[in-house]
Protein backbone atom coordinates (compact mmCIF):
# COMPACT_ATOMS: atom_id res chain seq x y z
CA MET A 1 -8.36 10.33 20.25
CA PRO A 2 -9.41 9.45 16.61
CA LEU A 3 -10.90 5.98 15.95
CA SER A 4 -8.87 5.54 13.06
CA ILE A 5 -6.68 6.57 10.55
CA GLN A 6 -7.51 5.90 6.37
CA PRO A 7 -5.49 7.00 3.74
CA TYR A 8 -7.11 8.58 0.71
CA ILE A 9 -5.49 8.00 -2.64
CA ALA A 10 -6.28 9.48 -6.01
CA ILE A 11 -5.64 7.23 -9.17
CA SER A 12 -4.52 8.78 -12.23
CA SER A 13 -6.51 8.22 -15.54
CA ALA A 14 -3.24 7.68 -17.38
CA SER A 15 -2.59 4.54 -15.29
CA GLY A 16 -6.05 3.15 -15.94
CA GLY A 17 -7.91 4.93 -13.40
CA ALA A 18 -9.66 3.95 -10.18
CA ARG A 19 -11.61 0.89 -11.59
CA LYS A 20 -8.38 -0.70 -12.66
CA ALA A 21 -6.79 0.38 -9.46
CA ILE A 22 -9.58 -1.75 -7.51
CA THR A 23 -9.63 -4.73 -9.53
CA TRP A 24 -6.08 -4.74 -9.19
CA TYR A 25 -5.83 -4.48 -5.23
CA LYS A 26 -8.59 -6.91 -4.94
CA ASN A 27 -6.92 -9.71 -7.09
CA VAL A 28 -3.00 -8.82 -6.29
CA PHE A 29 -3.43 -8.25 -2.51
CA GLY A 30 -6.90 -9.73 -1.51
CA ALA A 31 -8.47 -6.32 -0.61
CA GLN A 32 -12.29 -6.71 -0.28
CA VAL A 33 -14.16 -3.86 -1.82
CA LYS A 34 -16.56 -2.17 0.81
CA LEU A 35 -17.78 0.52 -1.53
CA ALA A 36 -17.62 1.75 -5.04
CA MET A 37 -19.54 4.77 -6.00
CA THR A 38 -19.85 6.46 -9.39
CA GLY A 39 -21.04 9.86 -9.87
CA GLY A 40 -20.57 13.42 -11.62
CA ASP A 41 -20.33 14.37 -15.28
CA ASN A 42 -19.04 10.93 -16.12
CA ALA A 43 -20.79 7.70 -14.55
CA GLU A 44 -17.97 5.84 -15.32
CA LYS A 45 -15.76 7.81 -12.74
CA ILE A 46 -15.24 6.25 -9.35
CA VAL A 47 -15.81 9.44 -6.88
CA HIS A 48 -15.31 7.32 -3.60
CA ALA A 49 -14.10 3.80 -2.91
CA GLU A 50 -13.17 1.81 0.17
CA LEU A 51 -10.98 -1.22 0.22
CA VAL A 52 -10.25 -3.29 3.37
CA PHE A 53 -6.95 -4.92 3.88
CA GLY A 54 -7.45 -6.93 7.24
CA THR A 55 -8.52 -4.18 9.72
CA THR A 56 -6.95 -1.16 7.83
CA HIS A 57 -9.29 0.58 5.18
CA ILE A 58 -8.06 2.67 2.14
CA MET A 59 -10.24 5.07 0.51
CA LEU A 60 -9.59 6.19 -3.13
CA SER A 61 -11.10 7.58 -6.20
CA ASP A 62 -10.35 8.71 -9.60
CA ASN A 63 -8.39 11.79 -9.72
CA MET A 64 -10.39 14.96 -9.37
CA VAL A 65 -9.15 18.37 -9.84
CA GLY A 66 -8.71 20.27 -6.29
CA TYR A 67 -8.13 16.89 -4.41
CA SER A 68 -5.35 14.62 -3.80
CA LYS A 69 -2.44 14.63 -6.13
CA THR A 70 -1.32 11.06 -7.73
CA PRO A 71 2.17 10.04 -7.90
CA ASP A 72 2.06 10.90 -11.47
CA GLU A 73 1.48 14.42 -10.59
CA LEU A 74 4.09 14.41 -8.17
CA GLY A 75 6.90 12.33 -9.66
CA GLY A 76 6.74 9.51 -7.27
CA THR A 77 4.67 8.79 -4.32
CA PRO A 78 5.44 10.25 -0.83
CA ILE A 79 4.16 7.19 0.83
CA THR A 80 4.51 3.51 1.29
CA PHE A 81 2.12 1.34 2.49
CA PHE A 82 3.13 -1.41 4.51
CA LEU A 83 1.29 -4.95 3.85
CA GLN A 84 1.66 -7.51 6.70
CA TYR A 85 0.47 -11.13 6.07
CA PRO A 86 0.41 -13.74 9.01
CA LYS A 87 2.38 -16.00 6.45
CA ASP A 88 2.97 -16.69 2.72
CA SER A 89 3.72 -13.00 1.94
CA LYS A 90 6.08 -13.89 -0.86
CA VAL A 91 2.74 -15.01 -2.72
CA ALA A 92 1.18 -11.60 -2.64
CA TYR A 93 4.78 -10.00 -3.64
CA ASP A 94 5.37 -12.26 -6.50
CA ASN A 95 1.84 -12.04 -7.61
CA ALA A 96 2.16 -8.46 -7.72
CA VAL A 97 5.41 -8.33 -9.74
CA ARG A 98 3.59 -10.63 -12.23
CA GLU A 99 0.69 -8.25 -12.65
CA GLY A 100 2.76 -5.25 -13.53
CA ALA A 101 4.26 -3.88 -10.37
CA THR A 102 8.16 -2.84 -10.64
CA VAL A 103 10.63 -3.56 -7.92
CA PRO A 104 12.87 -0.81 -6.81
CA GLU A 105 16.31 -1.42 -6.87
CA GLY A 106 17.80 -3.08 -3.83
CA ARG A 107 14.02 -3.93 -2.22
CA GLU A 108 13.53 -7.33 -3.52
CA TYR A 109 11.96 -9.99 -1.25
CA LYS A 110 14.25 -11.49 1.19
CA GLU A 111 15.06 -11.61 4.92
CA GLN A 112 15.32 -7.85 6.18
CA PRO A 113 17.75 -6.81 9.07
CA TRP A 114 14.84 -5.85 11.03
CA GLY A 115 13.70 -9.41 11.38
CA TRP A 116 11.07 -9.64 8.80
CA THR A 117 10.83 -10.97 5.37
CA ALA A 118 9.71 -8.61 2.94
CA GLY A 119 10.21 -6.74 -0.35
CA THR A 120 8.72 -3.43 -1.77
CA VAL A 121 6.96 -3.00 -4.90
CA VAL A 122 5.38 -0.18 -6.93
CA ASP A 123 2.00 -1.02 -8.06
CA PRO A 124 0.83 0.29 -11.67
CA PHE A 125 -0.62 3.32 -10.19
CA GLY A 126 2.37 4.64 -8.66
CA TYR A 127 2.00 4.03 -5.22
CA GLN A 128 4.66 1.97 -3.15
CA TRP A 129 4.08 -1.28 -1.17
CA THR A 130 6.18 -3.20 1.24
CA VAL A 131 4.80 -6.66 1.49
CA GLY A 132 6.16 -8.94 4.25
CA GLU A 133 5.68 -11.20 7.39
CA ASP A 134 7.06 -11.27 10.82
CA SER A 135 9.52 -14.09 10.32
CA LYS A 136 11.57 -13.57 13.22
CA LYS A 137 8.94 -12.22 15.94
CA TRP A 138 11.36 -10.04 17.62
CA SER A 139 10.18 -7.77 20.24
CA ASP A 140 10.61 -3.87 19.33
CA GLU A 141 13.57 -3.90 21.88
CA GLU A 142 15.44 -6.81 20.08
CA THR A 143 14.74 -4.99 16.57
CA GLY A 144 16.25 -1.87 18.20
CA ASN A 145 19.51 -3.69 19.27
CA GLN A 146 19.52 -5.16 15.88
CA MET A 147 19.58 -2.28 14.11
CA GLY A 148 21.68 -0.26 16.12
CA MET A 149 18.55 2.25 17.26
CA LYS A 150 17.39 3.50 20.59
CA ASN A 151 13.79 3.96 21.63
CA ILE A 152 13.04 7.84 22.46
CA ALA A 153 9.43 7.40 22.77
CA SER A 154 9.46 8.53 26.59
CA GLU A 155 10.81 12.07 25.62
CA PHE A 156 7.49 12.76 23.97
């Protein structure tokens, strides 16, 4: 079994680059900066950084040819990060919007049918984040029943 999984995202210079992204994630979502390294031909370029969100690590760098593609290059992001807070998640959501995140249509912060209060934003770097909290504290079974879903995990 692996010890963990850590997404690695690339930040486009067109959106302000990794330095701007690190500062944004720290100020808006409360990420801790574990590591930020420069190198290569441009001493200003972030070649590797690690941010910590609770117990989860995300790695990022300025976009480098031959590595990950940015949302700009892909025409949008293929991933949504889910940022769970114990309470007061609306503060982070509102802060994200105030600091330049956009809200996809229909994804405003509200009570969700799966028992959470949450909303989705796209950060200034093109990545999508759902920010919320477990307001109903439903079990997986209760959530499934509410949503009309069936757990088929035993099939695997």
